Amino acid sequence: MNTKIYTIGSLEQDTDKLAEAGQILRDGGLVVFPTETVYGLGGNATDAEAAKKIYAAKGRPSDNPLIIHIAEPRDAEAYAETSALYYRLAAAFMPGPLTLILPKKETIPHSVTGGLDSVAVRCPAHPIAHALIAAAGVPIAAPSANLSGKPSPTCAAHVIDDLTGRVDMILDGGDCEIGLESTILKIDCDVPVLLRPGGITYEQLCAVCGHVEIASAVIGQLAPGERPLSPGMMYRHYAPATPLILVRGERAAVTAYLRERQAEGCGVLCYAEEADVLLPERRIILGHRDDPAEQAQHLFTALRDADAFGAPTIFAHYPDEHGMGLALCNRMIRAAAHTVVEV
């Protein structure tokens, strides 16, 4: 497949590129586009065959549900059974990095939802994403635009590396602001359940919903035979090619452990505050220790860059599990295939 790559510098000046991308989606093709979270691999969410193309392009299991992206919160009415809680959450967080799981309508094929009778709905805040949905005139089913299992793409270069020749078009809109996929909340049940943490934190959700349960698979593993209810719940996900191991313990002990592993030829992801006591070789600074949002923004790029070390293993801190740290922990524990060392 010949993949067209367009840089979108101005929505006003690049309307022809967006119109072409919209036509590709209506015709059943695939377009990669930026969002505020990560880049998405988009197809027409009402087209069962387009969903199959998405799974094929990613090499993704077809029982892993896709998220549908809409231009305005009220557009969900055509594709899902909404509720008063949906609109309270929409008023608080949409457009933005929140995905809500609702009972689906027949307008969305089961190939999009992984065979489930629910559908994941999101209204992205990124202006290019919003303009593309409008140009297409259809909801866009879009997982992250990477090969399945690899770190999600936060810039067009990552997408080009993974998907050139697998999609019809890539829209380059620069670096993503948040760097982690959207928060996913299941609300078609008595008590809302957090399935994937992201830019909207557990604490923010509780402020709107009251009580919110956290699914055991956010940090733990799916039970044998258990189906994923949302993207990002698989055992090993977001992973670099090099094995990743997380290190948990007192700060000084973890830093000392990272330095020892570095001296043995391993790579490390570290905090800015400890960079001066680690070797400059095979070291990537993830961000400041007490700024999980900064760490989140850099995580997937850091995991991809660490592969270039050619090291046998990469070591990184086990994140704090509060606020945005829960989202970091969710991604990193899966990237590490739940491998954690206590020091």
C-alpha atoms as a PDB file:
ATOM      1  CA  MET A   1       0.000   0.000   0.000  1.00  0.00           C
ATOM      2  CA  ASN A   2       1.260   3.495  -0.864  1.00  0.00           C
ATOM      3  CA  THR A   3       0.945   5.623   2.284  1.00  0.00           C
ATOM      4  CA  LYS A   4       0.477   9.361   1.841  1.00  0.00           C
ATOM      5  CA  ILE A   5       2.066  11.475   4.587  1.00  0.00           C
ATOM      6  CA  TYR A   6       0.748  15.010   5.077  1.00  0.00           C
ATOM      7  CA  THR A   7       1.844  17.613   7.605  1.00  0.00           C
ATOM      8  CA  ILE A   8      -1.093  19.647   8.926  1.00  0.00           C
ATOM      9  CA  GLY A   9       0.188  23.095   9.810  1.00  0.00           C
ATOM     10  CA  SER A  10      -3.064  25.045   9.692  1.00  0.00           C
ATOM     11  CA  LEU A  11      -6.653  23.824   9.599  1.00  0.00           C
ATOM     12  CA  GLU A  12      -7.609  26.787   7.448  1.00  0.00           C
ATOM     13  CA  GLN A  13      -4.841  26.184   4.888  1.00  0.00           C
ATOM     14  CA  ASP A  14      -4.990  22.377   4.868  1.00  0.00           C
ATOM     15  CA  THR A  15      -8.709  21.827   4.330  1.00  0.00           C
ATOM     16  CA  ASP A  16      -7.981  19.955   1.094  1.00  0.00           C
ATOM     17  CA  LYS A  17      -5.800  17.422   2.928  1.00  0.00           C
ATOM     18  CA  LEU A  18      -8.473  16.909   5.576  1.00  0.00           C
ATOM     19  CA  ALA A  19     -11.161  16.556   2.905  1.00  0.00           C
ATOM     20  CA  GLU A  20      -9.067  13.882   1.173  1.00  0.00           C
ATOM     21  CA  ALA A  21      -8.584  12.088   4.485  1.00  0.00           C
ATOM     22  CA  GLY A  22     -12.323  12.239   5.161  1.00  0.00           C
ATOM     23  CA  GLN A  23     -13.052  10.697   1.775  1.00  0.00           C
ATOM     24  CA  ILE A  24     -10.607   7.863   2.463  1.00  0.00           C
ATOM     25  CA  LEU A  25     -12.481   7.079   5.686  1.00  0.00           C
ATOM     26  CA  ARG A  26     -15.894   7.153   3.977  1.00  0.00           C
ATOM     27  CA  ASP A  27     -14.513   4.798   1.323  1.00  0.00           C
ATOM     28  CA  GLY A  28     -13.412   2.274   3.944  1.00  0.00           C
ATOM     29  CA  GLY A  29      -9.725   3.217   4.111  1.00  0.00           C
ATOM     30  CA  LEU A  30      -7.413   3.933   7.049  1.00  0.00           C
ATOM     31  CA  VAL A  31      -6.085   7.319   8.201  1.00  0.00           C
ATOM     32  CA  VAL A  32      -3.689   7.962  11.096  1.00  0.00           C
ATOM     33  CA  PHE A  33      -4.309  11.215  12.973  1.00  0.00           C
ATOM     34  CA  PRO A  34      -3.088  12.992  16.122  1.00  0.00           C
ATOM     35  CA  THR A  35      -5.096  13.366  19.302  1.00  0.00           C
ATOM     36  CA  GLU A  36      -4.197  15.021  22.600  1.00  0.00           C
ATOM     37  CA  THR A  37      -3.348  11.557  24.011  1.00  0.00           C
ATOM     38  CA  VAL A  38      -1.563   9.504  21.304  1.00  0.00           C
ATOM     39  CA  TYR A  39      -1.875   9.065  17.535  1.00  0.00           C
ATOM     40  CA  GLY A  40      -4.910   7.056  16.410  1.00  0.00           C
ATOM     41  CA  LEU A  41      -5.319   4.576  13.554  1.00  0.00           C
ATOM     42  CA  GLY A  42      -8.715   5.499  12.172  1.00  0.00           C
ATOM     43  CA  GLY A  43     -11.389   3.771  10.126  1.00  0.00           C
ATOM     44  CA  ASN A  44     -15.135   4.265   9.631  1.00  0.00           C
ATOM     45  CA  ALA A  45     -16.725   3.011  12.868  1.00  0.00           C
ATOM     46  CA  THR A  46     -19.958   2.061  11.071  1.00  0.00           C
ATOM     47  CA  ASP A  47     -18.117  -0.129   8.533  1.00  0.00           C
ATOM     48  CA  ALA A  48     -17.432  -3.705   9.688  1.00  0.00           C
ATOM     49  CA  GLU A  49     -14.815  -4.214   6.976  1.00  0.00           C
ATOM     50  CA  ALA A  50     -12.903  -1.073   8.007  1.00  0.00           C
ATOM     51  CA  ALA A  51     -12.611  -2.481  11.518  1.00  0.00           C
ATOM     52  CA  LYS A  52     -11.094  -5.663  10.115  1.00  0.00           C
ATOM     53  CA  LYS A  53      -8.548  -3.545   8.223  1.00  0.00           C
ATOM     54  CA  ILE A  54      -7.593  -1.784  11.474  1.00  0.00           C
ATOM     55  CA  TYR A  55      -6.956  -5.089  13.241  1.00  0.00           C
ATOM     56  CA  ALA A  56      -4.915  -6.327  10.268  1.00  0.00           C
ATOM     57  CA  ALA A  57      -2.819  -3.158  10.031  1.00  0.00           C
ATOM     58  CA  LYS A  58      -1.930  -3.320  13.730  1.00  0.00           C
ATOM     59  CA  GLY A  59      -1.626  -7.086  13.952  1.00  0.00           C
ATOM     60  CA  ARG A  60      -4.126  -6.791  16.820  1.00  0.00           C
ATOM     61  CA  PRO A  61      -6.452  -9.531  18.152  1.00  0.00           C
ATOM     62  CA  SER A  62      -9.989  -8.933  16.924  1.00  0.00           C
ATOM     63  CA  ASP A  63     -11.471  -9.465  20.411  1.00  0.00           C
ATOM     64  CA  ASN A  64      -9.742  -6.298  21.663  1.00  0.00           C
ATOM     65  CA  PRO A  65     -12.402  -3.534  21.400  1.00  0.00           C
ATOM     66  CA  LEU A  66     -11.908  -0.306  19.465  1.00  0.00           C
ATOM     67  CA  ILE A  67     -12.866   3.191  20.640  1.00  0.00           C
ATOM     68  CA  ILE A  68     -15.164   5.264  18.450  1.00  0.00           C
ATOM     69  CA  HIS A  69     -14.345   8.969  18.187  1.00  0.00           C
ATOM     70  CA  ILE A  70     -17.119  11.525  17.762  1.00  0.00           C
ATOM     71  CA  ALA A  71     -17.105  15.271  17.166  1.00  0.00           C
ATOM     72  CA  GLU A  72     -19.538  16.299  19.922  1.00  0.00           C
ATOM     73  CA  PRO A  73     -20.771  14.469  23.048  1.00  0.00           C
ATOM     74  CA  ARG A  74     -24.377  14.485  21.808  1.00  0.00           C
ATOM     75  CA  ASP A  75     -23.304  12.554  18.685  1.00  0.00           C
ATOM     76  CA  ALA A  76     -23.103   9.450  20.888  1.00  0.00           C
ATOM     77  CA  GLU A  77     -26.904   9.227  20.756  1.00  0.00           C
ATOM     78  CA  ALA A  78     -26.715   7.676  17.289  1.00  0.00           C
ATOM     79  CA  TYR A  79     -24.365   4.888  18.352  1.00  0.00           C
ATOM     80  CA  ALA A  80     -24.933   4.183  22.070  1.00  0.00           C
ATOM     81  CA  GLU A  81     -27.493   4.286  24.872  1.00  0.00           C
ATOM     82  CA  THR A  82     -26.565   7.385  26.846  1.00  0.00           C
ATOM     83  CA  SER A  83     -27.588   8.358  30.383  1.00  0.00           C
ATOM     84  CA  ALA A  84     -27.646  11.268  32.809  1.00  0.00           C
ATOM     85  CA  LEU A  85     -24.242  10.147  34.114  1.00  0.00           C
ATOM     86  CA  TYR A  86     -22.838  10.176  30.581  1.00  0.00           C
ATOM     87  CA  TYR A  87     -23.847  13.809  30.176  1.00  0.00           C
ATOM     88  CA  ARG A  88     -22.480  14.794  33.609  1.00  0.00           C
ATOM     89  CA  LEU A  89     -19.124  13.297  32.687  1.00  0.00           C
ATOM     90  CA  ALA A  90     -19.291  14.835  29.208  1.00  0.00           C
ATOM     91  CA  ALA A  91     -19.926  18.275  30.702  1.00  0.00           C
ATOM     92  CA  ALA A  92     -16.920  17.877  32.983  1.00  0.00           C
ATOM     93  CA  PHE A  93     -14.371  16.249  30.658  1.00  0.00           C
ATOM     94  CA  MET A  94     -15.397  16.402  26.981  1.00  0.00           C
ATOM     95  CA  PRO A  95     -13.843  17.188  24.630  1.00  0.00           C
ATOM     96  CA  GLY A  96     -10.867  15.561  26.325  1.00  0.00           C
ATOM     97  CA  PRO A  97      -9.030  12.358  27.221  1.00  0.00           C
ATOM     98  CA  LEU A  98     -12.019  10.389  28.531  1.00  0.00           C
ATOM     99  CA  THR A  99     -13.606   7.289  26.974  1.00  0.00           C
ATOM    100  CA  LEU A 100     -16.961   6.036  28.281  1.00  0.00           C
ATOM    101  CA  ILE A 101     -18.281   2.508  27.774  1.00  0.00           C
ATOM    102  CA  LEU A 102     -22.016   2.388  27.031  1.00  0.00           C
ATOM    103  CA  PRO A 103     -24.523  -0.133  25.648  1.00  0.00           C
ATOM    104  CA  LYS A 104     -24.131  -0.045  21.871  1.00  0.00           C
ATOM    105  CA  LYS A 105     -26.770   0.459  19.209  1.00  0.00           C
ATOM    106  CA  GLU A 106     -27.007  -1.547  15.992  1.00  0.00           C
ATOM    107  CA  THR A 107     -25.347   1.305  14.083  1.00  0.00           C
ATOM    108  CA  ILE A 108     -21.988   0.042  15.385  1.00  0.00           C
ATOM    109  CA  PRO A 109     -20.989  -3.434  14.137  1.00  0.00           C
ATOM    110  CA  HIS A 110     -19.719  -6.088  16.532  1.00  0.00           C
ATOM    111  CA  SER A 111     -16.402  -6.172  14.655  1.00  0.00           C
ATOM    112  CA  VAL A 112     -15.701  -2.704  16.131  1.00  0.00           C
ATOM    113  CA  THR A 113     -16.546  -3.725  19.700  1.00  0.00           C
ATOM    114  CA  GLY A 114     -14.693  -7.033  19.738  1.00  0.00           C
ATOM    115  CA  GLY A 115     -18.010  -8.851  19.818  1.00  0.00           C
ATOM    116  CA  LEU A 116     -19.220  -7.020  22.928  1.00  0.00           C
ATOM    117  CA  ASP A 117     -22.669  -5.434  23.257  1.00  0.00           C
ATOM    118  CA  SER A 118     -21.061  -2.263  24.608  1.00  0.00           C
ATOM    119  CA  VAL A 119     -19.178   0.475  22.775  1.00  0.00           C
ATOM    120  CA  ALA A 120     -16.364   2.779  23.917  1.00  0.00           C
ATOM    121  CA  VAL A 121     -17.055   6.431  23.014  1.00  0.00           C
ATOM    122  CA  ARG A 122     -14.638   9.372  23.084  1.00  0.00           C
ATOM    123  CA  CYS A 123     -14.770  13.002  21.992  1.00  0.00           C
ATOM    124  CA  PRO A 124     -11.148  14.108  21.418  1.00  0.00           C
ATOM    125  CA  ALA A 125      -9.995  17.645  22.099  1.00  0.00           C
ATOM    126  CA  HIS A 126      -7.255  17.834  19.446  1.00  0.00           C
ATOM    127  CA  PRO A 127      -8.295  20.283  16.682  1.00  0.00           C
ATOM    128  CA  ILE A 128      -7.024  18.034  13.865  1.00  0.00           C
ATOM    129  CA  ALA A 129      -8.920  15.033  15.246  1.00  0.00           C
ATOM    130  CA  HIS A 130     -12.057  17.139  15.570  1.00  0.00           C
ATOM    131  CA  ALA A 131     -11.699  18.515  12.045  1.00  0.00           C
ATOM    132  CA  LEU A 132     -11.092  15.036  10.597  1.00  0.00           C
ATOM    133  CA  ILE A 133     -14.258  13.615  12.193  1.00  0.00           C
ATOM    134  CA  ALA A 134     -16.213  16.535  10.761  1.00  0.00           C
ATOM    135  CA  ALA A 135     -14.649  16.054   7.312  1.00  0.00           C
ATOM    136  CA  ALA A 136     -15.410  12.327   7.348  1.00  0.00           C
ATOM    137  CA  GLY A 137     -19.005  12.744   8.483  1.00  0.00           C
ATOM    138  CA  VAL A 138     -18.803   9.385  10.286  1.00  0.00           C
ATOM    139  CA  PRO A 139     -17.543   8.318  13.713  1.00  0.00           C
ATOM    140  CA  ILE A 140     -13.934   7.109  13.595  1.00  0.00           C
ATOM    141  CA  ALA A 141     -12.938   3.821  15.221  1.00  0.00           C
ATOM    142  CA  ALA A 142      -9.340   4.257  16.291  1.00  0.00           C
ATOM    143  CA  PRO A 143      -6.914   2.369  18.499  1.00  0.00           C
ATOM    144  CA  SER A 144      -3.386   3.707  18.977  1.00  0.00           C
ATOM    145  CA  ALA A 145      -1.493   3.848  15.676  1.00  0.00           C
ATOM    146  CA  ASN A 146       1.266   1.366  16.472  1.00  0.00           C
ATOM    147  CA  LEU A 147       1.959  -2.261  15.757  1.00  0.00           C
ATOM    148  CA  SER A 148       0.168  -4.293  18.418  1.00  0.00           C
ATOM    149  CA  GLY A 149       2.126  -4.565  21.652  1.00  0.00           C
ATOM    150  CA  LYS A 150       4.649  -1.818  20.877  1.00  0.00           C
ATOM    151  CA  PRO A 151       4.752   1.517  22.740  1.00  0.00           C
ATOM    152  CA  SER A 152       1.989   3.822  21.556  1.00  0.00           C
ATOM    153  CA  PRO A 153       3.010   6.626  19.152  1.00  0.00           C
ATOM    154  CA  THR A 154       3.207  10.193  20.438  1.00  0.00           C
ATOM    155  CA  CYS A 155       4.661  11.723  17.258  1.00  0.00           C
ATOM    156  CA  ALA A 156       4.319  11.054  13.547  1.00  0.00           C
ATOM    157  CA  ALA A 157       7.827   9.544  13.308  1.00  0.00           C
ATOM    158  CA  HIS A 158       6.702   6.629  15.497  1.00  0.00           C
ATOM    159  CA  VAL A 159       3.727   6.014  13.205  1.00  0.00           C
ATOM    160  CA  ILE A 160       5.827   6.216  10.072  1.00  0.00           C
ATOM    161  CA  ASP A 161       8.205   3.599  11.514  1.00  0.00           C
ATOM    162  CA  ASP A 162       5.364   1.210  12.383  1.00  0.00           C
ATOM    163  CA  LEU A 163       2.643   1.651   9.776  1.00  0.00           C
ATOM    164  CA  THR A 164       4.050   2.976   6.488  1.00  0.00           C
ATOM    165  CA  GLY A 165       2.686   0.671   3.817  1.00  0.00           C
ATOM    166  CA  ARG A 166      -0.136  -0.532   6.080  1.00  0.00           C
ATOM    167  CA  VAL A 167      -2.420   2.544   5.970  1.00  0.00           C
ATOM    168  CA  ASP A 168      -3.666   4.947   3.309  1.00  0.00           C
ATOM    169  CA  MET A 169      -2.672   8.221   4.957  1.00  0.00           C
ATOM    170  CA  ILE A 170      -0.771   9.623   7.945  1.00  0.00           C
ATOM    171  CA  LEU A 171      -1.584  13.133   9.181  1.00  0.00           C
ATOM    172  CA  ASP A 172       1.375  14.679  11.022  1.00  0.00           C
ATOM    173  CA  GLY A 173       0.144  17.110  13.657  1.00  0.00           C
ATOM    174  CA  GLY A 174       3.263  17.265  15.830  1.00  0.00           C
ATOM    175  CA  ASP A 175       3.806  15.812  19.285  1.00  0.00           C
ATOM    176  CA  CYS A 176       0.886  14.706  21.452  1.00  0.00           C
ATOM    177  CA  GLU A 177       0.285  16.761  24.586  1.00  0.00           C
ATOM    178  CA  ILE A 178      -0.582  14.068  27.157  1.00  0.00           C
ATOM    179  CA  GLY A 179       1.357  11.072  25.862  1.00  0.00           C
ATOM    180  CA  LEU A 180      -0.827   8.315  27.359  1.00  0.00           C
ATOM    181  CA  GLU A 181      -4.082   6.926  25.996  1.00  0.00           C
ATOM    182  CA  SER A 182      -7.433   8.125  27.300  1.00  0.00           C
ATOM    183  CA  THR A 183      -8.997   7.171  30.610  1.00  0.00           C
ATOM    184  CA  ILE A 184     -11.643   4.455  30.100  1.00  0.00           C
ATOM    185  CA  LEU A 185     -14.652   4.340  32.431  1.00  0.00           C
ATOM    186  CA  LYS A 186     -17.403   1.712  32.172  1.00  0.00           C
ATOM    187  CA  ILE A 187     -20.733   3.334  33.102  1.00  0.00           C
ATOM    188  CA  ASP A 188     -23.262   0.782  31.809  1.00  0.00           C
ATOM    189  CA  CYS A 189     -23.395  -0.774  35.287  1.00  0.00           C
ATOM    190  CA  ASP A 190     -24.556   0.076  38.827  1.00  0.00           C
ATOM    191  CA  VAL A 191     -21.179   1.471  39.927  1.00  0.00           C
ATOM    192  CA  PRO A 192     -18.808   3.027  37.355  1.00  0.00           C
ATOM    193  CA  VAL A 193     -15.640   0.971  36.853  1.00  0.00           C
ATOM    194  CA  LEU A 194     -12.269   2.425  35.875  1.00  0.00           C
ATOM    195  CA  LEU A 195     -10.812   0.071  33.260  1.00  0.00           C
ATOM    196  CA  ARG A 196      -7.850   2.164  32.132  1.00  0.00           C
ATOM    197  CA  PRO A 197      -6.472   5.256  33.897  1.00  0.00           C
ATOM    198  CA  GLY A 198      -5.219   8.171  31.832  1.00  0.00           C
ATOM    199  CA  GLY A 199      -5.230  11.959  31.671  1.00  0.00           C
ATOM    200  CA  ILE A 200      -8.492  12.105  33.655  1.00  0.00           C
ATOM    201  CA  THR A 201      -7.559  10.706  37.061  1.00  0.00           C
ATOM    202  CA  TYR A 202      -9.475   8.414  39.405  1.00  0.00           C
ATOM    203  CA  GLU A 203      -9.819  11.291  41.851  1.00  0.00           C
ATOM    204  CA  GLN A 204     -11.349  13.549  39.184  1.00  0.00           C
ATOM    205  CA  LEU A 205     -13.839  10.843  38.213  1.00  0.00           C
ATOM    206  CA  CYS A 206     -14.895  10.342  41.835  1.00  0.00           C
ATOM    207  CA  ALA A 207     -15.585  14.071  42.133  1.00  0.00           C
ATOM    208  CA  VAL A 208     -18.273  13.702  39.431  1.00  0.00           C
ATOM    209  CA  CYS A 209     -19.509  10.128  39.948  1.00  0.00           C
ATOM    210  CA  GLY A 210     -19.162   9.643  43.681  1.00  0.00           C
ATOM    211  CA  HIS A 211     -17.925   6.083  44.099  1.00  0.00           C
ATOM    212  CA  VAL A 212     -15.833   4.550  41.295  1.00  0.00           C
ATOM    213  CA  GLU A 213     -14.436   1.033  41.363  1.00  0.00           C
ATOM    214  CA  ILE A 214     -10.982   0.295  39.964  1.00  0.00           C
ATOM    215  CA  ALA A 215     -10.849  -2.884  37.883  1.00  0.00           C
ATOM    216  CA  SER A 216      -8.365  -5.418  39.217  1.00  0.00           C
ATOM    217  CA  ALA A 217      -6.706  -5.572  35.776  1.00  0.00           C
ATOM    218  CA  VAL A 218      -5.639  -1.902  36.002  1.00  0.00           C
ATOM    219  CA  ILE A 219      -2.545  -3.051  37.903  1.00  0.00           C
ATOM    220  CA  GLY A 220      -3.086  -6.814  37.936  1.00  0.00           C
ATOM    221  CA  GLN A 221      -3.531  -9.348  35.164  1.00  0.00           C
ATOM    222  CA  LEU A 222      -6.591 -10.619  33.353  1.00  0.00           C
ATOM    223  CA  ALA A 223      -7.709 -14.000  34.650  1.00  0.00           C
ATOM    224  CA  PRO A 224      -7.146 -16.987  32.306  1.00  0.00           C
ATOM    225  CA  GLY A 225      -9.807 -16.845  29.606  1.00  0.00           C
ATOM    226  CA  GLU A 226     -11.057 -13.413  30.718  1.00  0.00           C
ATOM    227  CA  ARG A 227     -11.938 -11.133  27.800  1.00  0.00           C
ATOM    228  CA  PRO A 228     -10.624  -7.559  27.720  1.00  0.00           C
ATOM    229  CA  LEU A 229     -13.486  -5.088  28.232  1.00  0.00           C
ATOM    230  CA  SER A 230     -11.430  -2.209  26.864  1.00  0.00           C
ATOM    231  CA  PRO A 231      -8.180  -1.523  25.016  1.00  0.00           C
ATOM    232  CA  GLY A 232      -4.973  -1.791  27.024  1.00  0.00           C
ATOM    233  CA  MET A 233      -5.993  -4.672  29.300  1.00  0.00           C
ATOM    234  CA  MET A 234      -3.802  -7.348  27.718  1.00  0.00           C
ATOM    235  CA  TYR A 235      -1.039  -8.974  29.816  1.00  0.00           C
ATOM    236  CA  ARG A 236       1.897  -7.482  27.871  1.00  0.00           C
ATOM    237  CA  HIS A 237       1.244  -4.213  26.113  1.00  0.00           C
ATOM    238  CA  TYR A 238       2.993  -0.918  25.261  1.00  0.00           C
ATOM    239  CA  ALA A 239       6.268  -2.862  25.355  1.00  0.00           C
ATOM    240  CA  PRO A 240       9.710  -2.123  23.904  1.00  0.00           C
ATOM    241  CA  ALA A 241      11.508  -4.982  22.171  1.00  0.00           C
ATOM    242  CA  THR A 242      14.056  -5.018  25.014  1.00  0.00           C
ATOM    243  CA  PRO A 243      12.741  -6.614  28.241  1.00  0.00           C
ATOM    244  CA  LEU A 244      11.705  -4.000  30.820  1.00  0.00           C
ATOM    245  CA  ILE A 245      11.944  -4.578  34.597  1.00  0.00           C
ATOM    246  CA  LEU A 246      10.445  -2.232  37.191  1.00  0.00           C
ATOM    247  CA  VAL A 247      12.253  -1.585  40.479  1.00  0.00           C
ATOM    248  CA  ARG A 248      10.395  -0.809  43.709  1.00  0.00           C
ATOM    249  CA  GLY A 249      11.869   0.267  47.050  1.00  0.00           C
ATOM    250  CA  GLU A 250      13.353   3.210  48.954  1.00  0.00           C
ATOM    251  CA  ARG A 251      14.612   6.016  46.703  1.00  0.00           C
ATOM    252  CA  ALA A 252      18.299   5.646  47.497  1.00  0.00           C
ATOM    253  CA  ALA A 253      18.163   1.879  47.164  1.00  0.00           C
ATOM    254  CA  VAL A 254      16.464   2.061  43.777  1.00  0.00           C
ATOM    255  CA  THR A 255      18.967   4.621  42.467  1.00  0.00           C
ATOM    256  CA  ALA A 256      21.869   2.470  43.629  1.00  0.00           C
ATOM    257  CA  TYR A 257      20.303  -0.578  41.977  1.00  0.00           C
ATOM    258  CA  LEU A 258      19.869   1.303  38.682  1.00  0.00           C
ATOM    259  CA  ARG A 259      23.537   2.358  38.750  1.00  0.00           C
ATOM    260  CA  GLU A 260      24.648  -1.239  39.362  1.00  0.00           C
ATOM    261  CA  ARG A 261      22.579  -2.506  36.437  1.00  0.00           C
ATOM    262  CA  GLN A 262      23.890   0.313  34.241  1.00  0.00           C
ATOM    263  CA  ALA A 263      27.472  -0.705  35.042  1.00  0.00           C
ATOM    264  CA  GLU A 264      26.594  -4.202  33.833  1.00  0.00           C
ATOM    265  CA  GLY A 265      25.518  -2.843  30.432  1.00  0.00           C
ATOM    266  CA  CYS A 266      21.771  -2.422  30.999  1.00  0.00           C
ATOM    267  CA  GLY A 267      19.687   0.625  30.129  1.00  0.00           C
ATOM    268  CA  VAL A 268      17.786   2.724  32.675  1.00  0.00           C
ATOM    269  CA  LEU A 269      14.906   5.189  32.727  1.00  0.00           C
ATOM    270  CA  CYS A 270      15.544   7.603  35.586  1.00  0.00           C
ATOM    271  CA  TYR A 271      14.308  10.812  37.195  1.00  0.00           C
ATOM    272  CA  ALA A 272      15.976  14.177  36.588  1.00  0.00           C
ATOM    273  CA  GLU A 273      16.952  14.427  40.256  1.00  0.00           C
ATOM    274  CA  GLU A 274      19.160  11.301  40.104  1.00  0.00           C
ATOM    275  CA  ALA A 275      20.698  11.791  36.667  1.00  0.00           C
ATOM    276  CA  ASP A 276      23.940  13.229  38.047  1.00  0.00           C
ATOM    277  CA  VAL A 277      24.653  10.086  40.108  1.00  0.00           C
ATOM    278  CA  LEU A 278      23.991   7.708  37.206  1.00  0.00           C
ATOM    279  CA  LEU A 279      26.253   7.051  34.260  1.00  0.00           C
ATOM    280  CA  PRO A 280      25.494   9.139  31.156  1.00  0.00           C
ATOM    281  CA  GLU A 281      25.595   5.989  29.005  1.00  0.00           C
ATOM    282  CA  ARG A 282      22.385   4.066  28.407  1.00  0.00           C
ATOM    283  CA  ARG A 283      20.356   6.526  30.472  1.00  0.00           C
ATOM    284  CA  ILE A 284      17.108   8.296  29.598  1.00  0.00           C
ATOM    285  CA  ILE A 285      15.593  10.937  31.864  1.00  0.00           C
ATOM    286  CA  LEU A 286      11.861  10.327  32.073  1.00  0.00           C
ATOM    287  CA  GLY A 287      11.042  13.535  33.950  1.00  0.00           C
ATOM    288  CA  HIS A 288      11.085  15.011  37.436  1.00  0.00           C
ATOM    289  CA  ARG A 289      10.336  12.639  40.295  1.00  0.00           C
ATOM    290  CA  ASP A 290       7.222  14.459  41.517  1.00  0.00           C
ATOM    291  CA  ASP A 291       5.784  15.288  38.071  1.00  0.00           C
ATOM    292  CA  PRO A 292       3.955  12.201  36.769  1.00  0.00           C
ATOM    293  CA  ALA A 293       2.347  14.227  33.962  1.00  0.00           C
ATOM    294  CA  GLU A 294       5.825  15.051  32.614  1.00  0.00           C
ATOM    295  CA  GLN A 295       6.854  11.405  32.937  1.00  0.00           C
ATOM    296  CA  ALA A 296       3.678  10.311  31.132  1.00  0.00           C
ATOM    297  CA  GLN A 297       4.350  12.658  28.241  1.00  0.00           C
ATOM    298  CA  HIS A 298       7.823  11.157  27.730  1.00  0.00           C
ATOM    299  CA  LEU A 299       7.180   7.494  28.570  1.00  0.00           C
ATOM    300  CA  PHE A 300       6.424   5.949  25.182  1.00  0.00           C
ATOM    301  CA  THR A 301       9.180   7.873  23.400  1.00  0.00           C
ATOM    302  CA  ALA A 302      11.605   6.826  26.140  1.00  0.00           C
ATOM    303  CA  LEU A 303      10.652   3.163  25.740  1.00  0.00           C
ATOM    304  CA  ARG A 304      11.217   3.341  21.987  1.00  0.00           C
ATOM    305  CA  ASP A 305      14.517   5.206  22.385  1.00  0.00           C
ATOM    306  CA  ALA A 306      15.756   2.744  24.999  1.00  0.00           C
ATOM    307  CA  ASP A 307      15.566  -0.047  22.422  1.00  0.00           C
ATOM    308  CA  ALA A 308      18.352   1.727  20.519  1.00  0.00           C
ATOM    309  CA  PHE A 309      20.769   1.079  23.413  1.00  0.00           C
ATOM    310  CA  GLY A 310      21.082  -2.535  22.343  1.00  0.00           C
ATOM    311  CA  ALA A 311      21.108  -3.404  26.046  1.00  0.00           C
ATOM    312  CA  PRO A 312      19.990  -6.818  27.326  1.00  0.00           C
ATOM    313  CA  THR A 313      17.470  -5.248  29.729  1.00  0.00           C
ATOM    314  CA  ILE A 314      15.940  -1.877  30.630  1.00  0.00           C
ATOM    315  CA  PHE A 315      15.272  -0.961  34.274  1.00  0.00           C
ATOM    316  CA  ALA A 316      12.920   1.768  35.512  1.00  0.00           C
ATOM    317  CA  HIS A 317      11.250   2.991  38.700  1.00  0.00           C
ATOM    318  CA  TYR A 318       7.935   1.464  39.740  1.00  0.00           C
ATOM    319  CA  PRO A 319       5.665   4.546  39.693  1.00  0.00           C
ATOM    320  CA  ASP A 320       3.575   5.914  42.525  1.00  0.00           C
ATOM    321  CA  GLU A 321      -0.016   4.687  42.122  1.00  0.00           C
ATOM    322  CA  HIS A 322      -1.840   7.931  42.954  1.00  0.00           C
ATOM    323  CA  GLY A 323      -3.256  10.579  40.604  1.00  0.00           C
ATOM    324  CA  MET A 324      -1.604  10.506  37.197  1.00  0.00           C
ATOM    325  CA  GLY A 325       0.852   7.986  38.639  1.00  0.00           C
ATOM    326  CA  LEU A 326      -1.823   5.284  38.407  1.00  0.00           C
ATOM    327  CA  ALA A 327      -1.907   5.735  34.619  1.00  0.00           C
ATOM    328  CA  LEU A 328       1.894   5.536  34.467  1.00  0.00           C
ATOM    329  CA  CYS A 329       1.854   2.402  36.592  1.00  0.00           C
ATOM    330  CA  ASN A 330      -0.810   0.814  34.387  1.00  0.00           C
ATOM    331  CA  ARG A 331       1.280   1.334  31.217  1.00  0.00           C
ATOM    332  CA  MET A 332       4.636   0.460  32.739  1.00  0.00           C
ATOM    333  CA  ILE A 333       3.485  -2.714  34.507  1.00  0.00           C
ATOM    334  CA  ARG A 334       2.192  -4.035  31.177  1.00  0.00           C
ATOM    335  CA  ALA A 335       5.263  -2.899  29.263  1.00  0.00           C
ATOM    336  CA  ALA A 336       7.260  -4.904  31.823  1.00  0.00           C
ATOM    337  CA  ALA A 337       4.906  -7.931  31.576  1.00  0.00           C
ATOM    338  CA  HIS A 338       4.354  -7.489  35.344  1.00  0.00           C
ATOM    339  CA  THR A 339       8.060  -8.063  36.133  1.00  0.00           C
ATOM    340  CA  VAL A 340       8.950  -6.142  39.321  1.00  0.00           C
ATOM    341  CA  VAL A 341      12.092  -6.314  41.470  1.00  0.00           C
ATOM    342  CA  GLU A 342      11.964  -5.301  45.163  1.00  0.00           C
ATOM    343  CA  VAL A 343      15.123  -3.680  46.583  1.00  0.00           C
END
